[in-house]
Amino acid sequence: MLTSLGKALTILDTFAPAAPEWGLSELSAAVGLPKPTVHHMLATLVERGWITQDAKTRRYRLGVRFWEKGWLAWEGDFKIVEEILSATGQKK
């Protein structure tokens, strides 16, 4: 049995470059969860900025919070690369 966090992560994992946008019905079918459950999870994710919903199409896609957190991860990785380059005497 999935926890609420597990359900939310299952929903988030469904978004991919090949499928960046989803409607409620198709997302519910894709993750195998009831529409009310998916709608509740999406509402929370939208409220927190992890997912956005297009006002015209009503379709969902990843929100700005992903890009913020992705930038933090990339920035941290970049610092590690800089440290390695510096330690080995290599140039950027």
PDB file of N, CA and C in Angstrom:
ATOM      1  N   MET A   1       0.841  -1.185   0.000  1.00  0.00           N
ATOM      2  CA  MET A   1       0.000   0.000   0.000  1.00  0.00           C
ATOM      3  C   MET A   1       0.884   1.246   0.000  1.00  0.00           C
ATOM      4  N   LEU A   2       0.599   2.169  -0.895  1.00  0.00           N
ATOM      5  CA  LEU A   2       1.376   3.398  -0.979  1.00  0.00           C
ATOM      6  C   LEU A   2       0.935   4.399   0.081  1.00  0.00           C
ATOM      7  N   THR A   3       1.899   5.082   0.656  1.00  0.00           N
ATOM      8  CA  THR A   3       1.609   6.185   1.563  1.00  0.00           C
ATOM      9  C   THR A   3       1.248   7.403   0.722  1.00  0.00           C
ATOM     10  N   SER A   4       0.819   8.466   1.368  1.00  0.00           N
ATOM     11  CA  SER A   4       0.528   9.701   0.639  1.00  0.00           C
ATOM     12  C   SER A   4       1.762  10.196  -0.094  1.00  0.00           C
ATOM     13  N   LEU A   5       2.906  10.121   0.568  1.00  0.00           N
ATOM     14  CA  LEU A   5       4.144  10.544  -0.083  1.00  0.00           C
ATOM     15  C   LEU A   5       4.445   9.652  -1.279  1.00  0.00           C
ATOM     16  N   GLY A   6       4.258   8.361  -1.117  1.00  0.00           N
ATOM     17  CA  GLY A   6       4.489   7.431  -2.216  1.00  0.00           C
ATOM     18  C   GLY A   6       3.583   7.716  -3.402  1.00  0.00           C
ATOM     19  N   LYS A   7       2.330   8.041  -3.125  1.00  0.00           N
ATOM     20  CA  LYS A   7       1.385   8.374  -4.197  1.00  0.00           C
ATOM     21  C   LYS A   7       1.815   9.648  -4.915  1.00  0.00           C
ATOM     22  N   ALA A   8       2.207  10.656  -4.150  1.00  0.00           N
ATOM     23  CA  ALA A   8       2.649  11.913  -4.754  1.00  0.00           C
ATOM     24  C   ALA A   8       3.887  11.696  -5.619  1.00  0.00           C
ATOM     25  N   LEU A   9       4.823  10.894  -5.136  1.00  0.00           N
ATOM     26  CA  LEU A   9       6.037  10.626  -5.915  1.00  0.00           C
ATOM     27  C   LEU A   9       5.730   9.807  -7.164  1.00  0.00           C
ATOM     28  N   THR A  10       4.790   8.887  -7.063  1.00  0.00           N
ATOM     29  CA  THR A  10       4.371   8.120  -8.234  1.00  0.00           C
ATOM     30  C   THR A  10       3.800   9.058  -9.293  1.00  0.00           C
ATOM     31  N   ILE A  11       2.995  10.003  -8.866  1.00  0.00           N
ATOM     32  CA  ILE A  11       2.429  10.990  -9.793  1.00  0.00           C
ATOM     33  C   ILE A  11       3.545  11.824 -10.414  1.00  0.00           C
ATOM     34  N   LEU A  12       4.449  12.322  -9.591  1.00  0.00           N
ATOM     35  CA  LEU A  12       5.538  13.162 -10.104  1.00  0.00           C
ATOM     36  C   LEU A  12       6.438  12.396 -11.066  1.00  0.00           C
ATOM     37  N   ASP A  13       6.684  11.123 -10.779  1.00  0.00           N
ATOM     38  CA  ASP A  13       7.541  10.305 -11.642  1.00  0.00           C
ATOM     39  C   ASP A  13       6.946  10.088 -13.028  1.00  0.00           C
ATOM     40  N   THR A  14       5.660  10.287 -13.168  1.00  0.00           N
ATOM     41  CA  THR A  14       4.994  10.082 -14.452  1.00  0.00           C
ATOM     42  C   THR A  14       5.342  11.188 -15.449  1.00  0.00           C
ATOM     43  N   PHE A  15       5.647  12.372 -14.955  1.00  0.00           N
ATOM     44  CA  PHE A  15       6.017  13.480 -15.832  1.00  0.00           C
ATOM     45  C   PHE A  15       7.415  13.223 -16.383  1.00  0.00           C
ATOM     46  N   ALA A  16       7.546  13.328 -17.698  1.00  0.00           N
ATOM     47  CA  ALA A  16       8.809  13.008 -18.363  1.00  0.00           C
ATOM     48  C   ALA A  16       8.911  13.827 -19.645  1.00  0.00           C
ATOM     49  N   PRO A  17      10.117  13.925 -20.226  1.00  0.00           N
ATOM     50  CA  PRO A  17      10.248  14.668 -21.484  1.00  0.00           C
ATOM     51  C   PRO A  17       9.286  14.175 -22.573  1.00  0.00           C
ATOM     52  N   ALA A  18       9.043  12.880 -22.612  1.00  0.00           N
ATOM     53  CA  ALA A  18       8.131  12.330 -23.618  1.00  0.00           C
ATOM     54  C   ALA A  18       6.659  12.579 -23.265  1.00  0.00           C
ATOM     55  N   ALA A  19       6.382  12.872 -22.015  1.00  0.00           N
ATOM     56  CA  ALA A  19       5.012  13.117 -21.549  1.00  0.00           C
ATOM     57  C   ALA A  19       5.025  14.226 -20.501  1.00  0.00           C
ATOM     58  N   PRO A  20       5.268  15.489 -20.933  1.00  0.00           N
ATOM     59  CA  PRO A  20       5.405  16.578 -19.968  1.00  0.00           C
ATOM     60  C   PRO A  20       4.089  17.112 -19.412  1.00  0.00           C
ATOM     61  N   GLU A  21       2.981  16.822 -20.080  1.00  0.00           N
ATOM     62  CA  GLU A  21       1.678  17.320 -19.634  1.00  0.00           C
ATOM     63  C   GLU A  21       0.679  16.174 -19.528  1.00  0.00           C
ATOM     64  N   TRP A  22      -0.186  16.293 -18.521  1.00  0.00           N
ATOM     65  CA  TRP A  22      -1.184  15.249 -18.293  1.00  0.00           C
ATOM     66  C   TRP A  22      -2.522  15.868 -17.905  1.00  0.00           C
ATOM     67  N   GLY A  23      -3.599  15.259 -18.385  1.00  0.00           N
ATOM     68  CA  GLY A  23      -4.929  15.564 -17.894  1.00  0.00           C
ATOM     69  C   GLY A  23      -5.210  14.675 -16.696  1.00  0.00           C
ATOM     70  N   LEU A  24      -6.192  15.032 -15.910  1.00  0.00           N
ATOM     71  CA  LEU A  24      -6.500  14.272 -14.696  1.00  0.00           C
ATOM     72  C   LEU A  24      -6.847  12.814 -15.001  1.00  0.00           C
ATOM     73  N   SER A  25      -7.719  12.583 -15.960  1.00  0.00           N
ATOM     74  CA  SER A  25      -8.155  11.209 -16.262  1.00  0.00           C
ATOM     75  C   SER A  25      -7.007  10.346 -16.746  1.00  0.00           C
ATOM     76  N   GLU A  26      -6.205  10.890 -17.666  1.00  0.00           N
ATOM     77  CA  GLU A  26      -5.100  10.086 -18.201  1.00  0.00           C
ATOM     78  C   GLU A  26      -4.014   9.853 -17.156  1.00  0.00           C
ATOM     79  N   LEU A  27      -3.783  10.824 -16.291  1.00  0.00           N
ATOM     80  CA  LEU A  27      -2.796  10.645 -15.231  1.00  0.00           C
ATOM     81  C   LEU A  27      -3.280   9.595 -14.229  1.00  0.00           C
ATOM     82  N   SER A  28      -4.557   9.653 -13.894  1.00  0.00           N
ATOM     83  CA  SER A  28      -5.139   8.665 -12.988  1.00  0.00           C
ATOM     84  C   SER A  28      -4.977   7.254 -13.550  1.00  0.00           C
ATOM     85  N   ALA A  29      -5.254   7.097 -14.834  1.00  0.00           N
ATOM     86  CA  ALA A  29      -5.107   5.782 -15.475  1.00  0.00           C
ATOM     87  C   ALA A  29      -3.648   5.346 -15.513  1.00  0.00           C
ATOM     88  N   ALA A  30      -2.753   6.289 -15.784  1.00  0.00           N
ATOM     89  CA  ALA A  30      -1.326   5.965 -15.903  1.00  0.00           C
ATOM     90  C   ALA A  30      -0.726   5.491 -14.580  1.00  0.00           C
ATOM     91  N   VAL A  31      -1.157   6.091 -13.482  1.00  0.00           N
ATOM     92  CA  VAL A  31      -0.575   5.732 -12.181  1.00  0.00           C
ATOM     93  C   VAL A  31      -1.393   4.678 -11.438  1.00  0.00           C
ATOM     94  N   GLY A  32      -2.580   4.370 -11.952  1.00  0.00           N
ATOM     95  CA  GLY A  32      -3.400   3.341 -11.322  1.00  0.00           C
ATOM     96  C   GLY A  32      -4.008   3.748  -9.996  1.00  0.00           C
ATOM     97  N   LEU A  33      -4.291   5.029  -9.863  1.00  0.00           N
ATOM     98  CA  LEU A  33      -4.919   5.538  -8.639  1.00  0.00           C
ATOM     99  C   LEU A  33      -6.262   6.166  -9.002  1.00  0.00           C
ATOM    100  N   PRO A  34      -7.224   6.153  -8.083  1.00  0.00           N
ATOM    101  CA  PRO A  34      -8.526   6.758  -8.363  1.00  0.00           C
ATOM    102  C   PRO A  34      -8.406   8.259  -8.658  1.00  0.00           C
ATOM    103  N   LYS A  35      -9.282   8.748  -9.543  1.00  0.00           N
ATOM    104  CA  LYS A  35      -9.261  10.169  -9.899  1.00  0.00           C
ATOM    105  C   LYS A  35      -9.349  11.096  -8.690  1.00  0.00           C
ATOM    106  N   PRO A  36     -10.223  10.829  -7.705  1.00  0.00           N
ATOM    107  CA  PRO A  36     -10.272  11.728  -6.547  1.00  0.00           C
ATOM    108  C   PRO A  36      -8.939  11.796  -5.792  1.00  0.00           C
ATOM    109  N   THR A  37      -8.252  10.674  -5.697  1.00  0.00           N
ATOM    110  CA  THR A  37      -6.950  10.639  -5.021  1.00  0.00           C
ATOM    111  C   THR A  37      -5.934  11.456  -5.801  1.00  0.00           C
ATOM    112  N   VAL A  38      -5.887  11.250  -7.107  1.00  0.00           N
ATOM    113  CA  VAL A  38      -4.940  11.986  -7.952  1.00  0.00           C
ATOM    114  C   VAL A  38      -5.267  13.475  -7.913  1.00  0.00           C
ATOM    115  N   HIS A  39      -6.548  13.815  -7.966  1.00  0.00           N
ATOM    116  CA  HIS A  39      -6.944  15.227  -7.914  1.00  0.00           C
ATOM    117  C   HIS A  39      -6.507  15.868  -6.602  1.00  0.00           C
ATOM    118  N   HIS A  40      -6.696  15.166  -5.508  1.00  0.00           N
ATOM    119  CA  HIS A  40      -6.291  15.679  -4.189  1.00  0.00           C
ATOM    120  C   HIS A  40      -4.770  15.888  -4.138  1.00  0.00           C
ATOM    121  N   MET A  41      -4.022  14.918  -4.635  1.00  0.00           N
ATOM    122  CA  MET A  41      -2.559  15.029  -4.654  1.00  0.00           C
ATOM    123  C   MET A  41      -2.121  16.193  -5.541  1.00  0.00           C
ATOM    124  N   LEU A  42      -2.734  16.298  -6.719  1.00  0.00           N
ATOM    125  CA  LEU A  42      -2.382  17.383  -7.637  1.00  0.00           C
ATOM    126  C   LEU A  42      -2.701  18.746  -7.032  1.00  0.00           C
ATOM    127  N   ALA A  43      -3.836  18.862  -6.354  1.00  0.00           N
ATOM    128  CA  ALA A  43      -4.202  20.137  -5.728  1.00  0.00           C
ATOM    129  C   ALA A  43      -3.140  20.568  -4.724  1.00  0.00           C
ATOM    130  N   THR A  44      -2.658  19.629  -3.938  1.00  0.00           N
ATOM    131  CA  THR A  44      -1.601  19.939  -2.968  1.00  0.00           C
ATOM    132  C   THR A  44      -0.308  20.311  -3.679  1.00  0.00           C
ATOM    133  N   LEU A  45       0.050  19.563  -4.711  1.00  0.00           N
ATOM    134  CA  LEU A  45       1.285  19.837  -5.449  1.00  0.00           C
ATOM    135  C   LEU A  45       1.215  21.183  -6.174  1.00  0.00           C
ATOM    136  N   VAL A  46       0.039  21.541  -6.685  1.00  0.00           N
ATOM    137  CA  VAL A  46      -0.145  22.852  -7.319  1.00  0.00           C
ATOM    138  C   VAL A  46      -0.003  23.950  -6.273  1.00  0.00           C
ATOM    139  N   GLU A  47      -0.643  23.760  -5.139  1.00  0.00           N
ATOM    140  CA  GLU A  47      -0.586  24.746  -4.053  1.00  0.00           C
ATOM    141  C   GLU A  47       0.852  25.012  -3.617  1.00  0.00           C
ATOM    142  N   ARG A  48       1.676  23.974  -3.631  1.00  0.00           N
ATOM    143  CA  ARG A  48       3.064  24.094  -3.182  1.00  0.00           C
ATOM    144  C   ARG A  48       4.033  24.471  -4.307  1.00  0.00           C
ATOM    145  N   GLY A  49       3.554  24.572  -5.546  1.00  0.00           N
ATOM    146  CA  GLY A  49       4.400  24.996  -6.657  1.00  0.00           C
ATOM    147  C   GLY A  49       5.141  23.883  -7.379  1.00  0.00           C
ATOM    148  N   TRP A  50       4.906  22.630  -7.000  1.00  0.00           N
ATOM    149  CA  TRP A  50       5.600  21.510  -7.651  1.00  0.00           C
ATOM    150  C   TRP A  50       4.976  21.176  -8.996  1.00  0.00           C
ATOM    151  N   ILE A  51       3.696  21.480  -9.142  1.00  0.00           N
ATOM    152  CA  ILE A  51       2.950  21.228 -10.371  1.00  0.00           C
ATOM    153  C   ILE A  51       2.205  22.514 -10.721  1.00  0.00           C
ATOM    154  N   THR A  52       2.037  22.778 -12.017  1.00  0.00           N
ATOM    155  CA  THR A  52       1.190  23.884 -12.458  1.00  0.00           C
ATOM    156  C   THR A  52       0.075  23.314 -13.322  1.00  0.00           C
ATOM    157  N   GLN A  53      -1.024  24.056 -13.379  1.00  0.00           N
ATOM    158  CA  GLN A  53      -2.136  23.639 -14.225  1.00  0.00           C
ATOM    159  C   GLN A  53      -2.444  24.756 -15.204  1.00  0.00           C
ATOM    160  N   ASP A  54      -2.483  24.411 -16.479  1.00  0.00           N
ATOM    161  CA  ASP A  54      -2.819  25.374 -17.522  1.00  0.00           C
ATOM    162  C   ASP A  54      -4.293  25.753 -17.379  1.00  0.00           C
ATOM    163  N   ALA A  55      -4.565  27.043 -17.293  1.00  0.00           N
ATOM    164  CA  ALA A  55      -5.933  27.511 -17.081  1.00  0.00           C
ATOM    165  C   ALA A  55      -6.852  27.182 -18.255  1.00  0.00           C
ATOM    166  N   LYS A  56      -6.314  27.158 -19.462  1.00  0.00           N
ATOM    167  CA  LYS A  56      -7.143  26.882 -20.644  1.00  0.00           C
ATOM    168  C   LYS A  56      -7.355  25.386 -20.865  1.00  0.00           C
ATOM    169  N   THR A  57      -6.271  24.624 -20.854  1.00  0.00           N
ATOM    170  CA  THR A  57      -6.366  23.195 -21.183  1.00  0.00           C
ATOM    171  C   THR A  57      -6.665  22.330 -19.966  1.00  0.00           C
ATOM    172  N   ARG A  58      -6.439  22.868 -18.776  1.00  0.00           N
ATOM    173  CA  ARG A  58      -6.612  22.154 -17.505  1.00  0.00           C
ATOM    174  C   ARG A  58      -5.603  21.024 -17.325  1.00  0.00           C
ATOM    175  N   ARG A  59      -4.578  20.995 -18.172  1.00  0.00           N
ATOM    176  CA  ARG A  59      -3.554  19.945 -18.088  1.00  0.00           C
ATOM    177  C   ARG A  59      -2.483  20.363 -17.085  1.00  0.00           C
ATOM    178  N   TYR A  60      -1.833  19.372 -16.523  1.00  0.00           N
ATOM    179  CA  TYR A  60      -0.827  19.586 -15.487  1.00  0.00           C
ATOM    180  C   TYR A  60       0.570  19.363 -16.049  1.00  0.00           C
ATOM    181  N   ARG A  61       1.524  20.118 -15.507  1.00  0.00           N
ATOM    182  CA  ARG A  61       2.936  19.933 -15.852  1.00  0.00           C
ATOM    183  C   ARG A  61       3.783  20.304 -14.637  1.00  0.00           C
ATOM    184  N   LEU A  62       5.060  19.956 -14.683  1.00  0.00           N
ATOM    185  CA  LEU A  62       5.947  20.276 -13.559  1.00  0.00           C
ATOM    186  C   LEU A  62       6.004  21.782 -13.348  1.00  0.00           C
ATOM    187  N   GLY A  63       6.101  22.178 -12.088  1.00  0.00           N
ATOM    188  CA  GLY A  63       6.099  23.590 -11.737  1.00  0.00           C
ATOM    189  C   GLY A  63       7.487  24.146 -11.456  1.00  0.00           C
ATOM    190  N   VAL A  64       7.495  25.395 -11.098  1.00  0.00           N
ATOM    191  CA  VAL A  64       8.735  26.142 -10.896  1.00  0.00           C
ATOM    192  C   VAL A  64       9.580  25.588  -9.749  1.00  0.00           C
ATOM    193  N   ARG A  65       8.959  24.965  -8.765  1.00  0.00           N
ATOM    194  CA  ARG A  65       9.737  24.422  -7.643  1.00  0.00           C
ATOM    195  C   ARG A  65      10.748  23.383  -8.109  1.00  0.00           C
ATOM    196  N   PHE A  66      10.393  22.610  -9.148  1.00  0.00           N
ATOM    197  CA  PHE A  66      11.337  21.628  -9.675  1.00  0.00           C
ATOM    198  C   PHE A  66      12.563  22.308 -10.239  1.00  0.00           C
ATOM    199  N   TRP A  67      12.361  23.395 -10.941  1.00  0.00           N
ATOM    200  CA  TRP A  67      13.502  24.094 -11.545  1.00  0.00           C
ATOM    201  C   TRP A  67      14.363  24.735 -10.459  1.00  0.00           C
ATOM    202  N   GLU A  68      13.728  25.263  -9.411  1.00  0.00           N
ATOM    203  CA  GLU A  68      14.491  25.827  -8.293  1.00  0.00           C
ATOM    204  C   GLU A  68      15.357  24.759  -7.629  1.00  0.00           C
ATOM    205  N   LYS A  69      14.771  23.625  -7.337  1.00  0.00           N
ATOM    206  CA  LYS A  69      15.521  22.549  -6.676  1.00  0.00           C
ATOM    207  C   LYS A  69      16.545  21.938  -7.619  1.00  0.00           C
ATOM    208  N   GLY A  70      16.202  21.836  -8.886  1.00  0.00           N
ATOM    209  CA  GLY A  70      17.158  21.325  -9.875  1.00  0.00           C
ATOM    210  C   GLY A  70      18.373  22.226  -9.981  1.00  0.00           C
ATOM    211  N   TRP A  71      18.137  23.532  -9.931  1.00  0.00           N
ATOM    212  CA  TRP A  71      19.241  24.484  -9.991  1.00  0.00           C
ATOM    213  C   TRP A  71      20.157  24.316  -8.779  1.00  0.00           C
ATOM    214  N   LEU A  72      19.571  24.124  -7.611  1.00  0.00           N
ATOM    215  CA  LEU A  72      20.378  23.920  -6.405  1.00  0.00           C
ATOM    216  C   LEU A  72      21.251  22.676  -6.540  1.00  0.00           C
ATOM    217  N   ALA A  73      20.681  21.606  -7.065  1.00  0.00           N
ATOM    218  CA  ALA A  73      21.448  20.368  -7.246  1.00  0.00           C
ATOM    219  C   ALA A  73      22.568  20.577  -8.258  1.00  0.00           C
ATOM    220  N   TRP A  74      22.259  21.235  -9.367  1.00  0.00           N
ATOM    221  CA  TRP A  74      23.263  21.485 -10.400  1.00  0.00           C
ATOM    222  C   TRP A  74      24.371  22.383  -9.854  1.00  0.00           C
ATOM    223  N   GLU A  75      23.977  23.422  -9.133  1.00  0.00           N
ATOM    224  CA  GLU A  75      24.954  24.355  -8.571  1.00  0.00           C
ATOM    225  C   GLU A  75      25.896  23.631  -7.610  1.00  0.00           C
ATOM    226  N   GLY A  76      25.361  22.726  -6.798  1.00  0.00           N
ATOM    227  CA  GLY A  76      26.190  21.947  -5.877  1.00  0.00           C
ATOM    228  C   GLY A  76      27.146  21.044  -6.621  1.00  0.00           C
ATOM    229  N   ASP A  77      26.668  20.397  -7.689  1.00  0.00           N
ATOM    230  CA  ASP A  77      27.530  19.540  -8.505  1.00  0.00           C
ATOM    231  C   ASP A  77      28.628  20.357  -9.171  1.00  0.00           C
ATOM    232  N   PHE A  78      28.289  21.555  -9.630  1.00  0.00           N
ATOM    233  CA  PHE A  78      29.262  22.409 -10.298  1.00  0.00           C
ATOM    234  C   PHE A  78      30.384  22.801  -9.338  1.00  0.00           C
ATOM    235  N   LYS A  79      30.041  23.076  -8.095  1.00  0.00           N
ATOM    236  CA  LYS A  79      31.059  23.428  -7.098  1.00  0.00           C
ATOM    237  C   LYS A  79      32.016  22.264  -6.868  1.00  0.00           C
ATOM    238  N   ILE A  80      31.475  21.058  -6.852  1.00  0.00           N
ATOM    239  CA  ILE A  80      32.326  19.874  -6.685  1.00  0.00           C
ATOM    240  C   ILE A  80      33.285  19.745  -7.860  1.00  0.00           C
ATOM    241  N   VAL A  81      32.786  19.960  -9.065  1.00  0.00           N
ATOM    242  CA  VAL A  81      33.635  19.892 -10.263  1.00  0.00           C
ATOM    243  C   VAL A  81      34.730  20.951 -10.188  1.00  0.00           C
ATOM    244  N   GLU A  82      34.385  22.162  -9.767  1.00  0.00           N
ATOM    245  CA  GLU A  82      35.386  23.223  -9.621  1.00  0.00           C
ATOM    246  C   GLU A  82      36.465  22.826  -8.616  1.00  0.00           C
ATOM    247  N   GLU A  83      36.059  22.220  -7.508  1.00  0.00           N
ATOM    248  CA  GLU A  83      37.026  21.787  -6.496  1.00  0.00           C
ATOM    249  C   GLU A  83      37.957  20.711  -7.050  1.00  0.00           C
ATOM    250  N   ILE A  84      37.413  19.789  -7.809  1.00  0.00           N
ATOM    251  CA  ILE A  84      38.235  18.729  -8.410  1.00  0.00           C
ATOM    252  C   ILE A  84      39.219  19.330  -9.407  1.00  0.00           C
ATOM    253  N   LEU A  85      38.739  20.241 -10.243  1.00  0.00           N
ATOM    254  CA  LEU A  85      39.621  20.887 -11.217  1.00  0.00           C
ATOM    255  C   LEU A  85      40.735  21.654 -10.519  1.00  0.00           C
ATOM    256  N   SER A  86      40.382  22.362  -9.462  1.00  0.00           N
ATOM    257  CA  SER A  86      41.372  23.126  -8.713  1.00  0.00           C
ATOM    258  C   SER A  86      42.391  22.201  -8.050  1.00  0.00           C
ATOM    259  N   ALA A  87      41.902  21.129  -7.446  1.00  0.00           N
ATOM    260  CA  ALA A  87      42.787  20.195  -6.744  1.00  0.00           C
ATOM    261  C   ALA A  87      43.740  19.478  -7.692  1.00  0.00           C
ATOM    262  N   THR A  88      43.310  19.276  -8.929  1.00  0.00           N
ATOM    263  CA  THR A  88      44.150  18.564  -9.898  1.00  0.00           C
ATOM    264  C   THR A  88      44.937  19.509 -10.793  1.00  0.00           C
ATOM    265  N   GLY A  89      44.775  20.824 -10.554  1.00  0.00           N
ATOM    266  CA  GLY A  89      45.519  21.808 -11.332  1.00  0.00           C
ATOM    267  C   GLY A  89      44.998  22.008 -12.740  1.00  0.00           C
ATOM    268  N   GLN A  90      43.795  21.564 -13.005  1.00  0.00           N
ATOM    269  CA  GLN A  90      43.210  21.735 -14.336  1.00  0.00           C
ATOM    270  C   GLN A  90      42.437  23.039 -14.392  1.00  0.00           C
ATOM    271  N   LYS A  91      42.283  23.551 -15.601  1.00  0.00           N
ATOM    272  CA  LYS A  91      41.538  24.796 -15.794  1.00  0.00           C
ATOM    273  C   LYS A  91      40.087  24.482 -16.130  1.00  0.00           C
ATOM    274  N   LYS A  92      39.240  25.467 -15.872  1.00  0.00           N
ATOM    275  CA  LYS A  92      37.810  25.333 -16.193  1.00  0.00           C
ATOM    276  C   LYS A  92      37.601  25.434 -17.676  1.00  0.00           C
TER     277      LYS A  92
END
